[in-house]
N, C-alpha and C. Protein backbone atom coordinates (compact mmCIF):
# COMPACT_ATOMS: atom_id res chain seq x y z
N MET A 1 -73.29 108.86 23.54
CA MET A 1 -73.69 108.52 24.88
C MET A 1 -74.85 107.54 24.85
N GLY A 2 -75.75 107.67 23.88
CA GLY A 2 -76.90 106.79 23.79
C GLY A 2 -76.49 105.35 23.50
N ARG A 3 -75.49 105.17 22.67
CA ARG A 3 -75.02 103.82 22.32
C ARG A 3 -74.38 103.16 23.54
N GLN A 4 -73.65 103.93 24.33
CA GLN A 4 -73.02 103.40 25.53
C GLN A 4 -74.10 102.98 26.53
N PHE A 5 -75.14 103.77 26.66
CA PHE A 5 -76.23 103.45 27.58
C PHE A 5 -76.94 102.17 27.13
N GLN A 6 -77.14 102.01 25.83
CA GLN A 6 -77.80 100.81 25.32
C GLN A 6 -76.97 99.56 25.57
N SER A 7 -75.66 99.65 25.38
CA SER A 7 -74.82 98.48 25.61
C SER A 7 -74.75 98.15 27.10
N MET A 8 -74.73 99.17 27.96
CA MET A 8 -74.72 98.93 29.39
C MET A 8 -76.03 98.30 29.83
N THR A 9 -77.13 98.75 29.28
CA THR A 9 -78.43 98.19 29.59
C THR A 9 -78.51 96.73 29.16
N ALA A 10 -77.98 96.43 27.98
CA ALA A 10 -77.98 95.05 27.48
C ALA A 10 -77.17 94.13 28.40
N VAL A 11 -76.02 94.61 28.85
CA VAL A 11 -75.18 93.81 29.74
C VAL A 11 -75.89 93.58 31.07
N LEU A 12 -76.53 94.61 31.61
CA LEU A 12 -77.24 94.45 32.87
C LEU A 12 -78.43 93.50 32.74
N LEU A 13 -79.15 93.57 31.63
CA LEU A 13 -80.26 92.65 31.42
C LEU A 13 -79.78 91.21 31.27
N LEU A 14 -78.65 91.01 30.59
CA LEU A 14 -78.08 89.68 30.46
C LEU A 14 -77.65 89.14 31.82
N ALA A 15 -77.01 89.96 32.62
CA ALA A 15 -76.59 89.54 33.96
C ALA A 15 -77.81 89.19 34.82
N LEU A 16 -78.86 89.98 34.74
CA LEU A 16 -80.08 89.70 35.49
C LEU A 16 -80.71 88.39 35.04
N ALA A 17 -80.73 88.14 33.74
CA ALA A 17 -81.28 86.89 33.21
C ALA A 17 -80.48 85.69 33.71
N LEU A 18 -79.14 85.81 33.73
CA LEU A 18 -78.31 84.71 34.22
C LEU A 18 -78.51 84.46 35.71
N LEU A 19 -78.74 85.53 36.48
CA LEU A 19 -78.98 85.36 37.91
C LEU A 19 -80.32 84.69 38.20
N LEU A 20 -81.28 84.90 37.34
CA LEU A 20 -82.61 84.36 37.57
C LEU A 20 -82.79 82.94 37.03
N LEU A 21 -81.81 82.42 36.31
CA LEU A 21 -81.91 81.05 35.81
C LEU A 21 -81.93 80.08 37.00
N PRO A 22 -82.70 79.02 36.89
CA PRO A 22 -82.73 78.05 38.00
C PRO A 22 -81.36 77.38 38.17
N THR A 23 -80.96 77.24 39.40
CA THR A 23 -79.67 76.63 39.71
C THR A 23 -79.86 75.49 40.70
N ARG A 24 -78.89 74.62 40.80
CA ARG A 24 -78.92 73.54 41.78
C ARG A 24 -78.33 74.05 43.09
N PRO A 25 -78.74 73.52 44.22
CA PRO A 25 -78.15 73.90 45.50
C PRO A 25 -76.66 73.56 45.53
N ALA A 26 -75.86 74.43 46.09
CA ALA A 26 -74.42 74.24 46.09
C ALA A 26 -73.94 73.41 47.27
N HIS A 27 -74.66 73.44 48.39
CA HIS A 27 -74.24 72.74 49.62
C HIS A 27 -72.81 73.12 49.97
N ALA A 28 -72.54 74.40 49.93
CA ALA A 28 -71.19 74.89 50.18
C ALA A 28 -71.10 75.51 51.57
N TYR A 29 -69.91 75.55 52.10
CA TYR A 29 -69.65 76.13 53.41
C TYR A 29 -68.97 77.48 53.23
N VAL A 30 -69.45 78.49 53.95
CA VAL A 30 -68.84 79.81 53.92
C VAL A 30 -68.22 80.05 55.29
N ASP A 31 -66.89 80.09 55.35
CA ASP A 31 -66.22 80.30 56.62
C ASP A 31 -66.31 81.77 57.04
N PRO A 32 -66.00 82.09 58.30
CA PRO A 32 -66.12 83.48 58.78
C PRO A 32 -65.29 84.49 57.98
N GLY A 33 -64.12 84.09 57.51
CA GLY A 33 -63.28 85.00 56.73
C GLY A 33 -63.95 85.38 55.41
N SER A 34 -64.55 84.40 54.76
CA SER A 34 -65.24 84.68 53.50
C SER A 34 -66.49 85.51 53.75
N GLY A 35 -67.19 85.22 54.82
CA GLY A 35 -68.38 86.01 55.16
C GLY A 35 -68.03 87.45 55.44
N ALA A 36 -66.93 87.67 56.17
CA ALA A 36 -66.49 89.03 56.46
C ALA A 36 -66.10 89.76 55.19
N LEU A 37 -65.47 89.04 54.26
CA LEU A 37 -65.09 89.65 52.98
C LEU A 37 -66.33 90.06 52.19
N MET A 38 -67.37 89.22 52.21
CA MET A 38 -68.61 89.56 51.50
C MET A 38 -69.29 90.78 52.12
N VAL A 39 -69.31 90.83 53.45
CA VAL A 39 -69.91 91.98 54.13
C VAL A 39 -69.13 93.25 53.82
N GLN A 40 -67.80 93.15 53.83
CA GLN A 40 -66.97 94.32 53.52
C GLN A 40 -67.21 94.80 52.09
N ALA A 41 -67.31 93.88 51.15
CA ALA A 41 -67.56 94.25 49.76
C ALA A 41 -68.93 94.90 49.62
N LEU A 42 -69.92 94.37 50.30
CA LEU A 42 -71.27 94.95 50.25
C LEU A 42 -71.28 96.37 50.82
N LEU A 43 -70.66 96.56 51.98
CA LEU A 43 -70.62 97.90 52.59
C LEU A 43 -69.84 98.88 51.72
N ALA A 44 -68.72 98.44 51.16
CA ALA A 44 -67.94 99.32 50.28
C ALA A 44 -68.74 99.71 49.05
N SER A 45 -69.52 98.78 48.52
CA SER A 45 -70.35 99.09 47.36
C SER A 45 -71.42 100.10 47.71
N ILE A 46 -72.06 99.93 48.86
CA ILE A 46 -73.11 100.87 49.29
C ILE A 46 -72.52 102.26 49.47
N VAL A 47 -71.38 102.36 50.14
CA VAL A 47 -70.76 103.67 50.36
C VAL A 47 -70.32 104.29 49.04
N GLY A 48 -69.72 103.51 48.17
CA GLY A 48 -69.28 104.02 46.87
C GLY A 48 -70.42 104.53 46.02
N ILE A 49 -71.51 103.78 46.00
CA ILE A 49 -72.68 104.21 45.22
C ILE A 49 -73.29 105.47 45.80
N SER A 50 -73.35 105.55 47.14
CA SER A 50 -73.94 106.76 47.74
C SER A 50 -73.09 107.99 47.48
N ILE A 51 -71.78 107.85 47.51
CA ILE A 51 -70.90 108.99 47.22
C ILE A 51 -71.04 109.41 45.76
N ALA A 52 -71.09 108.44 44.86
CA ALA A 52 -71.24 108.76 43.44
C ALA A 52 -72.57 109.45 43.16
N MET A 53 -73.64 108.98 43.81
CA MET A 53 -74.95 109.60 43.61
C MET A 53 -74.97 111.02 44.17
N ARG A 54 -74.34 111.22 45.34
CA ARG A 54 -74.31 112.56 45.93
C ARG A 54 -73.54 113.53 45.04
N ARG A 55 -72.41 113.08 44.49
CA ARG A 55 -71.63 113.95 43.61
C ARG A 55 -72.40 114.28 42.34
N SER A 56 -73.08 113.28 41.79
CA SER A 56 -73.87 113.51 40.58
C SER A 56 -75.01 114.47 40.85
N LEU A 57 -75.68 114.30 41.99
CA LEU A 57 -76.79 115.18 42.34
C LEU A 57 -76.30 116.61 42.52
N ARG A 58 -75.16 116.78 43.18
CA ARG A 58 -74.61 118.13 43.35
C ARG A 58 -74.26 118.76 42.01
N ARG A 59 -73.73 117.95 41.10
CA ARG A 59 -73.37 118.47 39.77
C ARG A 59 -74.62 118.93 39.01
N VAL A 60 -75.67 118.11 39.07
CA VAL A 60 -76.92 118.46 38.38
C VAL A 60 -77.54 119.70 39.01
N LEU A 61 -77.59 119.76 40.33
CA LEU A 61 -78.16 120.93 41.00
C LEU A 61 -77.34 122.18 40.72
N GLY A 62 -76.03 122.03 40.62
CA GLY A 62 -75.17 123.16 40.30
C GLY A 62 -75.45 123.70 38.90
N ARG A 63 -75.68 122.80 37.97
CA ARG A 63 -75.97 123.24 36.60
C ARG A 63 -77.35 123.88 36.49
N LEU A 64 -78.25 123.47 37.36
CA LEU A 64 -79.58 124.07 37.36
C LEU A 64 -79.64 125.35 38.19
N GLY A 65 -78.54 125.65 38.87
CA GLY A 65 -78.50 126.85 39.70
C GLY A 65 -79.21 126.67 41.03
N LEU A 66 -79.35 125.44 41.47
CA LEU A 66 -80.05 125.16 42.72
C LEU A 66 -79.11 124.72 43.83
N SER A 67 -77.81 124.93 43.65
CA SER A 67 -76.86 124.49 44.67
C SER A 67 -76.92 125.40 45.88
N ARG A 68 -76.43 124.85 47.00
CA ARG A 68 -76.42 125.65 48.23
C ARG A 68 -75.41 126.78 48.10
N ARG A 69 -75.77 127.90 48.66
CA ARG A 69 -74.87 129.06 48.66
C ARG A 69 -74.25 129.18 50.04
N ASP A 70 -73.12 129.89 50.12
CA ASP A 70 -72.47 130.11 51.41
C ASP A 70 -73.36 130.96 52.30
N THR A 71 -73.41 130.59 53.57
CA THR A 71 -74.17 131.39 54.51
C THR A 71 -73.37 132.63 54.87
N PRO A 72 -74.01 133.71 55.35
CA PRO A 72 -73.27 134.92 55.69
C PRO A 72 -72.21 134.69 56.74
N ALA A 73 -72.43 133.76 57.66
CA ALA A 73 -71.44 133.49 58.70
C ALA A 73 -70.16 132.92 58.12
N GLU A 74 -70.25 132.18 57.03
CA GLU A 74 -69.07 131.59 56.41
C GLU A 74 -68.30 132.60 55.58
N THR A 75 -68.97 133.62 55.07
CA THR A 75 -68.30 134.59 54.22
C THR A 75 -67.82 135.82 54.98
N GLU A 76 -68.22 135.96 56.25
CA GLU A 76 -67.77 137.12 57.04
C GLU A 76 -66.29 137.00 57.36
N ASP A 77 -65.71 138.13 57.73
CA ASP A 77 -64.32 138.17 58.13
C ASP A 77 -64.17 137.38 59.43
N SER A 78 -63.25 136.45 59.46
CA SER A 78 -63.11 135.57 60.63
C SER A 78 -62.40 136.25 61.79
N GLY A 79 -61.79 137.39 61.57
CA GLY A 79 -61.12 138.11 62.64
C GLY A 79 -59.69 137.64 62.87
N SER A 80 -59.16 136.81 62.02
CA SER A 80 -57.79 136.36 62.18
C SER A 80 -56.84 137.50 61.79
N PRO A 81 -55.63 137.49 62.35
CA PRO A 81 -54.69 138.60 62.08
C PRO A 81 -54.35 138.73 60.60
N THR A 82 -54.40 137.67 59.82
CA THR A 82 -54.03 137.76 58.43
C THR A 82 -55.13 138.42 57.58
N SER A 83 -56.37 138.44 58.11
CA SER A 83 -57.45 138.99 57.31
C SER A 83 -57.77 140.45 57.67
N ARG A 84 -57.07 140.99 58.65
CA ARG A 84 -57.31 142.39 59.01
C ARG A 84 -56.57 143.31 58.09
N SER A 85 -57.14 144.47 57.82
CA SER A 85 -56.50 145.44 56.92
C SER A 85 -55.61 146.38 57.69
C-alpha cells in the first residue's frame, strides 16, 4: 500500500507542476454547451468525492466502534400484522 501511495503522490505532484508552468493565452471561445459540460463535470466530481469521503468516514468510525447505533424507535415493533405474535 505504501508503494501505491508513493506513486500516486508522484503523479499528483507532476500534474501540479505541469499546471503551474507558465502558459500562453489561448484566446479561445467556450460556447454554452461546453460551459454546461464543464459545470456538470465539476458538480459530478464534487458529489462523487463527497460520497466517497462519507463512505470512508463511516467505515473508519465503524472500525473504531464510533458508528451510530439504531435508536429505540427504529428497533421497536412497528405494529404491522406480520410482526405480531
